[in-house]
Amino acid sequence: MEDLSAKLEKLLTEADDCELIGKLATDLKKRELFKKLAIDLRSMAHDIQAMISTRKQEAVSHKIEAGRIMPKASQ
């Protein structure tokens, strides 16, 4: 999970950087390119955030299932 969190943080930082570069770019093509990159990076970050949430939910479900008492077999 730490690995995904690190990747998420990196993607969001890169998206912010691309957005800033796009705003500062004087060339229209470069401005549009960096704007598109920022959008794509945020989309990837959103996907990773969804994966993290799913894994957390699965971990909770497994803990709940592991904590249940199994009925004893009939004697």
PDB file of N, CA and C in Angstrom:
ATOM      1  N   MET A   1       0.822  -1.185   0.000  1.00  0.00           N
ATOM      2  CA  MET A   1       0.000   0.000   0.000  1.00  0.00           C
ATOM      3  C   MET A   1       0.871   1.256   0.000  1.00  0.00           C
ATOM      4  N   GLU A   2       2.010   1.178   0.688  1.00  0.00           N
ATOM      5  CA  GLU A   2       2.907   2.331   0.726  1.00  0.00           C
ATOM      6  C   GLU A   2       3.388   2.687  -0.673  1.00  0.00           C
ATOM      7  N   ASP A   3       3.649   1.642  -1.464  1.00  0.00           N
ATOM      8  CA  ASP A   3       4.131   1.863  -2.828  1.00  0.00           C
ATOM      9  C   ASP A   3       3.083   2.624  -3.646  1.00  0.00           C
ATOM     10  N   LEU A   4       1.832   2.225  -3.520  1.00  0.00           N
ATOM     11  CA  LEU A   4       0.770   2.919  -4.255  1.00  0.00           C
ATOM     12  C   LEU A   4       0.594   4.347  -3.759  1.00  0.00           C
ATOM     13  N   SER A   5       0.705   4.542  -2.465  1.00  0.00           N
ATOM     14  CA  SER A   5       0.579   5.896  -1.916  1.00  0.00           C
ATOM     15  C   SER A   5       1.700   6.796  -2.420  1.00  0.00           C
ATOM     16  N   ALA A   6       2.899   6.241  -2.519  1.00  0.00           N
ATOM     17  CA  ALA A   6       4.032   7.012  -3.037  1.00  0.00           C
ATOM     18  C   ALA A   6       3.813   7.357  -4.509  1.00  0.00           C
ATOM     19  N   LYS A   7       3.306   6.403  -5.269  1.00  0.00           N
ATOM     20  CA  LYS A   7       3.030   6.652  -6.691  1.00  0.00           C
ATOM     21  C   LYS A   7       1.930   7.704  -6.847  1.00  0.00           C
ATOM     22  N   LEU A   8       0.925   7.623  -5.995  1.00  0.00           N
ATOM     23  CA  LEU A   8      -0.159   8.597  -6.036  1.00  0.00           C
ATOM     24  C   LEU A   8       0.383  10.001  -5.780  1.00  0.00           C
ATOM     25  N   GLU A   9       1.181  10.135  -4.744  1.00  0.00           N
ATOM     26  CA  GLU A   9       1.754  11.438  -4.410  1.00  0.00           C
ATOM     27  C   GLU A   9       2.620  11.971  -5.547  1.00  0.00           C
ATOM     28  N   LYS A  10       3.413  11.088  -6.152  1.00  0.00           N
ATOM     29  CA  LYS A  10       4.287  11.492  -7.255  1.00  0.00           C
ATOM     30  C   LYS A  10       3.465  11.972  -8.460  1.00  0.00           C
ATOM     31  N   LEU A  11       2.420  11.238  -8.798  1.00  0.00           N
ATOM     32  CA  LEU A  11       1.572  11.638  -9.929  1.00  0.00           C
ATOM     33  C   LEU A  11       0.909  12.983  -9.687  1.00  0.00           C
ATOM     34  N   LEU A  12       0.425  13.196  -8.478  1.00  0.00           N
ATOM     35  CA  LEU A  12      -0.227  14.472  -8.172  1.00  0.00           C
ATOM     36  C   LEU A  12       0.765  15.632  -8.220  1.00  0.00           C
ATOM     37  N   THR A  13       1.981  15.388  -7.743  1.00  0.00           N
ATOM     38  CA  THR A  13       3.015  16.422  -7.802  1.00  0.00           C
ATOM     39  C   THR A  13       3.374  16.742  -9.250  1.00  0.00           C
ATOM     40  N   GLU A  14       3.523  15.698 -10.056  1.00  0.00           N
ATOM     41  CA  GLU A  14       3.842  15.908 -11.465  1.00  0.00           C
ATOM     42  C   GLU A  14       2.705  16.617 -12.194  1.00  0.00           C
ATOM     43  N   ALA A  15       1.472  16.299 -11.836  1.00  0.00           N
ATOM     44  CA  ALA A  15       0.331  16.973 -12.450  1.00  0.00           C
ATOM     45  C   ALA A  15       0.335  18.460 -12.110  1.00  0.00           C
ATOM     46  N   ASP A  16       0.624  18.768 -10.849  1.00  0.00           N
ATOM     47  CA  ASP A  16       0.709  20.177 -10.443  1.00  0.00           C
ATOM     48  C   ASP A  16       1.825  20.899 -11.199  1.00  0.00           C
ATOM     49  N   ASP A  17       2.962  20.220 -11.343  1.00  0.00           N
ATOM     50  CA  ASP A  17       4.088  20.808 -12.075  1.00  0.00           C
ATOM     51  C   ASP A  17       3.723  21.071 -13.536  1.00  0.00           C
ATOM     52  N   CYS A  18       3.074  20.093 -14.163  1.00  0.00           N
ATOM     53  CA  CYS A  18       2.674  20.259 -15.567  1.00  0.00           C
ATOM     54  C   CYS A  18       1.674  21.403 -15.722  1.00  0.00           C
ATOM     55  N   GLU A  19       0.757  21.503 -14.777  1.00  0.00           N
ATOM     56  CA  GLU A  19      -0.219  22.587 -14.840  1.00  0.00           C
ATOM     57  C   GLU A  19       0.480  23.945 -14.742  1.00  0.00           C
ATOM     58  N   LEU A  20       1.428  24.053 -13.830  1.00  0.00           N
ATOM     59  CA  LEU A  20       2.171  25.300 -13.677  1.00  0.00           C
ATOM     60  C   LEU A  20       2.982  25.627 -14.925  1.00  0.00           C
ATOM     61  N   ILE A  21       3.673  24.627 -15.462  1.00  0.00           N
ATOM     62  CA  ILE A  21       4.463  24.841 -16.680  1.00  0.00           C
ATOM     63  C   ILE A  21       3.544  25.294 -17.815  1.00  0.00           C
ATOM     64  N   GLY A  22       2.378  24.664 -17.905  1.00  0.00           N
ATOM     65  CA  GLY A  22       1.418  25.047 -18.938  1.00  0.00           C
ATOM     66  C   GLY A  22       0.959  26.492 -18.800  1.00  0.00           C
ATOM     67  N   LYS A  23       0.746  26.915 -17.567  1.00  0.00           N
ATOM     68  CA  LYS A  23       0.315  28.297 -17.344  1.00  0.00           C
ATOM     69  C   LYS A  23       1.409  29.301 -17.694  1.00  0.00           C
ATOM     70  N   LEU A  24       2.657  28.883 -17.482  1.00  0.00           N
ATOM     71  CA  LEU A  24       3.779  29.790 -17.739  1.00  0.00           C
ATOM     72  C   LEU A  24       4.273  29.753 -19.185  1.00  0.00           C
ATOM     73  N   ALA A  25       3.869  28.726 -19.927  1.00  0.00           N
ATOM     74  CA  ALA A  25       4.343  28.571 -21.302  1.00  0.00           C
ATOM     75  C   ALA A  25       3.811  29.703 -22.185  1.00  0.00           C
ATOM     76  N   THR A  26       4.673  30.218 -23.022  1.00  0.00           N
ATOM     77  CA  THR A  26       4.248  31.269 -23.937  1.00  0.00           C
ATOM     78  C   THR A  26       3.800  30.690 -25.279  1.00  0.00           C
ATOM     79  N   ASP A  27       4.292  29.510 -25.602  1.00  0.00           N
ATOM     80  CA  ASP A  27       3.918  28.831 -26.837  1.00  0.00           C
ATOM     81  C   ASP A  27       2.578  28.120 -26.628  1.00  0.00           C
ATOM     82  N   LEU A  28       1.611  28.380 -27.496  1.00  0.00           N
ATOM     83  CA  LEU A  28       0.271  27.818 -27.351  1.00  0.00           C
ATOM     84  C   LEU A  28       0.285  26.285 -27.390  1.00  0.00           C
ATOM     85  N   LYS A  29       1.089  25.696 -28.289  1.00  0.00           N
ATOM     86  CA  LYS A  29       1.146  24.232 -28.385  1.00  0.00           C
ATOM     87  C   LYS A  29       1.693  23.619 -27.103  1.00  0.00           C
ATOM     88  N   LYS A  30       2.730  24.232 -26.538  1.00  0.00           N
ATOM     89  CA  LYS A  30       3.297  23.726 -25.286  1.00  0.00           C
ATOM     90  C   LYS A  30       2.309  23.893 -24.142  1.00  0.00           C
ATOM     91  N   ARG A  31       1.590  24.999 -24.147  1.00  0.00           N
ATOM     92  CA  ARG A  31       0.586  25.241 -23.115  1.00  0.00           C
ATOM     93  C   ARG A  31      -0.470  24.138 -23.137  1.00  0.00           C
ATOM     94  N   GLU A  32      -0.959  23.815 -24.314  1.00  0.00           N
ATOM     95  CA  GLU A  32      -1.971  22.764 -24.459  1.00  0.00           C
ATOM     96  C   GLU A  32      -1.399  21.389 -24.106  1.00  0.00           C
ATOM     97  N   LEU A  33      -0.155  21.142 -24.498  1.00  0.00           N
ATOM     98  CA  LEU A  33       0.487  19.863 -24.198  1.00  0.00           C
ATOM     99  C   LEU A  33       0.586  19.652 -22.687  1.00  0.00           C
ATOM    100  N   PHE A  34       1.058  20.630 -21.964  1.00  0.00           N
ATOM    101  CA  PHE A  34       1.214  20.487 -20.523  1.00  0.00           C
ATOM    102  C   PHE A  34      -0.133  20.440 -19.806  1.00  0.00           C
ATOM    103  N   LYS A  35      -1.127  21.128 -20.347  1.00  0.00           N
ATOM    104  CA  LYS A  35      -2.472  21.052 -19.788  1.00  0.00           C
ATOM    105  C   LYS A  35      -3.007  19.628 -19.927  1.00  0.00           C
ATOM    106  N   LYS A  36      -2.806  19.028 -21.099  1.00  0.00           N
ATOM    107  CA  LYS A  36      -3.252  17.651 -21.350  1.00  0.00           C
ATOM    108  C   LYS A  36      -2.495  16.674 -20.460  1.00  0.00           C
ATOM    109  N   LEU A  37      -1.188  16.881 -20.309  1.00  0.00           N
ATOM    110  CA  LEU A  37      -0.402  16.013 -19.429  1.00  0.00           C
ATOM    111  C   LEU A  37      -0.922  16.073 -18.001  1.00  0.00           C
ATOM    112  N   ALA A  38      -1.239  17.259 -17.523  1.00  0.00           N
ATOM    113  CA  ALA A  38      -1.761  17.413 -16.158  1.00  0.00           C
ATOM    114  C   ALA A  38      -3.079  16.657 -15.998  1.00  0.00           C
ATOM    115  N   ILE A  39      -3.938  16.756 -16.987  1.00  0.00           N
ATOM    116  CA  ILE A  39      -5.222  16.044 -16.946  1.00  0.00           C
ATOM    117  C   ILE A  39      -4.998  14.538 -16.926  1.00  0.00           C
ATOM    118  N   ASP A  40      -4.111  14.049 -17.785  1.00  0.00           N
ATOM    119  CA  ASP A  40      -3.828  12.611 -17.846  1.00  0.00           C
ATOM    120  C   ASP A  40      -3.209  12.100 -16.547  1.00  0.00           C
ATOM    121  N   LEU A  41      -2.292  12.871 -15.971  1.00  0.00           N
ATOM    122  CA  LEU A  41      -1.661  12.465 -14.715  1.00  0.00           C
ATOM    123  C   LEU A  41      -2.686  12.426 -13.579  1.00  0.00           C
ATOM    124  N   ARG A  42      -3.590  13.384 -13.554  1.00  0.00           N
ATOM    125  CA  ARG A  42      -4.629  13.378 -12.514  1.00  0.00           C
ATOM    126  C   ARG A  42      -5.589  12.202 -12.698  1.00  0.00           C
ATOM    127  N   SER A  43      -5.835  11.835 -13.941  1.00  0.00           N
ATOM    128  CA  SER A  43      -6.679  10.675 -14.208  1.00  0.00           C
ATOM    129  C   SER A  43      -6.012   9.399 -13.685  1.00  0.00           C
ATOM    130  N   MET A  44      -4.719   9.272 -13.935  1.00  0.00           N
ATOM    131  CA  MET A  44      -3.985   8.113 -13.416  1.00  0.00           C
ATOM    132  C   MET A  44      -3.980   8.117 -11.885  1.00  0.00           C
ATOM    133  N   ALA A  45      -3.818   9.291 -11.291  1.00  0.00           N
ATOM    134  CA  ALA A  45      -3.834   9.398  -9.838  1.00  0.00           C
ATOM    135  C   ALA A  45      -5.199   8.977  -9.288  1.00  0.00           C
ATOM    136  N   HIS A  46      -6.253   9.358  -9.989  1.00  0.00           N
ATOM    137  CA  HIS A  46      -7.597   8.970  -9.569  1.00  0.00           C
ATOM    138  C   HIS A  46      -7.729   7.442  -9.586  1.00  0.00           C
ATOM    139  N   ASP A  47      -7.201   6.800 -10.624  1.00  0.00           N
ATOM    140  CA  ASP A  47      -7.251   5.338 -10.719  1.00  0.00           C
ATOM    141  C   ASP A  47      -6.484   4.679  -9.567  1.00  0.00           C
ATOM    142  N   ILE A  48      -5.330   5.224  -9.235  1.00  0.00           N
ATOM    143  CA  ILE A  48      -4.539   4.670  -8.138  1.00  0.00           C
ATOM    144  C   ILE A  48      -5.261   4.885  -6.815  1.00  0.00           C
ATOM    145  N   GLN A  49      -5.895   6.045  -6.637  1.00  0.00           N
ATOM    146  CA  GLN A  49      -6.658   6.293  -5.411  1.00  0.00           C
ATOM    147  C   GLN A  49      -7.785   5.280  -5.275  1.00  0.00           C
ATOM    148  N   ALA A  50      -8.430   4.946  -6.380  1.00  0.00           N
ATOM    149  CA  ALA A  50      -9.498   3.942  -6.363  1.00  0.00           C
ATOM    150  C   ALA A  50      -8.941   2.575  -5.977  1.00  0.00           C
ATOM    151  N   MET A  51      -7.762   2.243  -6.485  1.00  0.00           N
ATOM    152  CA  MET A  51      -7.129   0.968  -6.125  1.00  0.00           C
ATOM    153  C   MET A  51      -6.806   0.921  -4.637  1.00  0.00           C
ATOM    154  N   ILE A  52      -6.293   2.013  -4.104  1.00  0.00           N
ATOM    155  CA  ILE A  52      -5.971   2.081  -2.682  1.00  0.00           C
ATOM    156  C   ILE A  52      -7.237   1.884  -1.847  1.00  0.00           C
ATOM    157  N   SER A  53      -8.308   2.553  -2.217  1.00  0.00           N
ATOM    158  CA  SER A  53      -9.574   2.428  -1.492  1.00  0.00           C
ATOM    159  C   SER A  53     -10.105   0.997  -1.542  1.00  0.00           C
ATOM    160  N   THR A  54     -10.031   0.381  -2.708  1.00  0.00           N
ATOM    161  CA  THR A  54     -10.489  -0.997  -2.860  1.00  0.00           C
ATOM    162  C   THR A  54      -9.679  -1.932  -1.986  1.00  0.00           C
ATOM    163  N   ARG A  55      -8.374  -1.763  -1.982  1.00  0.00           N
ATOM    164  CA  ARG A  55      -7.514  -2.628  -1.165  1.00  0.00           C
ATOM    165  C   ARG A  55      -7.777  -2.433   0.317  1.00  0.00           C
ATOM    166  N   LYS A  56      -8.052  -1.207   0.738  1.00  0.00           N
ATOM    167  CA  LYS A  56      -8.373  -0.963   2.144  1.00  0.00           C
ATOM    168  C   LYS A  56      -9.678  -1.664   2.518  1.00  0.00           C
ATOM    169  N   GLN A  57     -10.675  -1.564   1.634  1.00  0.00           N
ATOM    170  CA  GLN A  57     -11.954  -2.215   1.901  1.00  0.00           C
ATOM    171  C   GLN A  57     -11.788  -3.729   1.956  1.00  0.00           C
ATOM    172  N   GLU A  58     -10.982  -4.284   1.052  1.00  0.00           N
ATOM    173  CA  GLU A  58     -10.739  -5.725   1.053  1.00  0.00           C
ATOM    174  C   GLU A  58     -10.025  -6.152   2.323  1.00  0.00           C
ATOM    175  N   ALA A  59      -9.080  -5.354   2.791  1.00  0.00           N
ATOM    176  CA  ALA A  59      -8.350  -5.682   4.008  1.00  0.00           C
ATOM    177  C   ALA A  59      -9.293  -5.693   5.206  1.00  0.00           C
ATOM    178  N   VAL A  60     -10.197  -4.737   5.262  1.00  0.00           N
ATOM    179  CA  VAL A  60     -11.167  -4.690   6.357  1.00  0.00           C
ATOM    180  C   VAL A  60     -12.082  -5.908   6.285  1.00  0.00           C
ATOM    181  N   SER A  61     -12.532  -6.256   5.089  1.00  0.00           N
ATOM    182  CA  SER A  61     -13.411  -7.416   4.925  1.00  0.00           C
ATOM    183  C   SER A  61     -12.719  -8.698   5.373  1.00  0.00           C
ATOM    184  N   HIS A  62     -11.435  -8.832   5.023  1.00  0.00           N
ATOM    185  CA  HIS A  62     -10.695 -10.034   5.412  1.00  0.00           C
ATOM    186  C   HIS A  62     -10.511 -10.091   6.925  1.00  0.00           C
ATOM    187  N   LYS A  63     -10.287  -8.948   7.548  1.00  0.00           N
ATOM    188  CA  LYS A  63     -10.140  -8.922   9.003  1.00  0.00           C
ATOM    189  C   LYS A  63     -11.447  -9.315   9.682  1.00  0.00           C
ATOM    190  N   ILE A  64     -12.558  -8.831   9.146  1.00  0.00           N
ATOM    191  CA  ILE A  64     -13.861  -9.167   9.719  1.00  0.00           C
ATOM    192  C   ILE A  64     -14.112 -10.655   9.573  1.00  0.00           C
ATOM    193  N   GLU A  65     -13.844 -11.195   8.390  1.00  0.00           N
ATOM    194  CA  GLU A  65     -14.055 -12.622   8.158  1.00  0.00           C
ATOM    195  C   GLU A  65     -13.133 -13.459   9.039  1.00  0.00           C
ATOM    196  N   ALA A  66     -11.912 -13.039   9.209  1.00  0.00           N
ATOM    197  CA  ALA A  66     -10.954 -13.788  10.031  1.00  0.00           C
ATOM    198  C   ALA A  66     -11.355 -13.756  11.491  1.00  0.00           C
ATOM    199  N   GLY A  67     -12.051 -12.714  11.913  1.00  0.00           N
ATOM    200  CA  GLY A  67     -12.443 -12.587  13.311  1.00  0.00           C
ATOM    201  C   GLY A  67     -13.721 -13.342  13.673  1.00  0.00           C
ATOM    202  N   ARG A  68     -14.405 -13.859  12.705  1.00  0.00           N
ATOM    203  CA  ARG A  68     -15.645 -14.614  12.985  1.00  0.00           C
ATOM    204  C   ARG A  68     -15.320 -15.965  13.612  1.00  0.00           C
ATOM    205  N   ILE A  69     -16.165 -16.357  14.506  1.00  0.00           N
ATOM    206  CA  ILE A  69     -15.988 -17.667  15.147  1.00  0.00           C
ATOM    207  C   ILE A  69     -16.696 -18.690  14.284  1.00  0.00           C
ATOM    208  N   MET A  70     -15.964 -19.715  13.909  1.00  0.00           N
ATOM    209  CA  MET A  70     -16.536 -20.773  13.090  1.00  0.00           C
ATOM    210  C   MET A  70     -17.276 -21.741  14.003  1.00  0.00           C
ATOM    211  N   PRO A  71     -18.452 -22.181  13.615  1.00  0.00           N
ATOM    212  CA  PRO A  71     -19.190 -23.140  14.468  1.00  0.00           C
ATOM    213  C   PRO A  71     -18.443 -24.460  14.550  1.00  0.00           C
ATOM    214  N   LYS A  72     -18.552 -25.089  15.726  1.00  0.00           N
ATOM    215  CA  LYS A  72     -17.902 -26.385  15.930  1.00  0.00           C
ATOM    216  C   LYS A  72     -18.681 -27.444  15.154  1.00  0.00           C
ATOM    217  N   ALA A  73     -17.957 -28.439  14.702  1.00  0.00           N
ATOM    218  CA  ALA A  73     -18.586 -29.539  13.980  1.00  0.00           C
ATOM    219  C   ALA A  73     -19.438 -30.358  14.944  1.00  0.00           C
ATOM    220  N   SER A  74     -20.516 -30.908  14.459  1.00  0.00           N
ATOM    221  CA  SER A  74     -21.396 -31.729  15.297  1.00  0.00           C
ATOM    222  C   SER A  74     -20.652 -32.951  15.770  1.00  0.00           C
ATOM    223  N   GLN A  75     -20.885 -33.293  17.043  1.00  0.00           N
ATOM    224  CA  GLN A  75     -20.193 -34.465  17.600  1.00  0.00           C
ATOM    225  C   GLN A  75     -21.058 -35.673  17.571  1.00  0.00           C
TER     226      GLN A  75
END
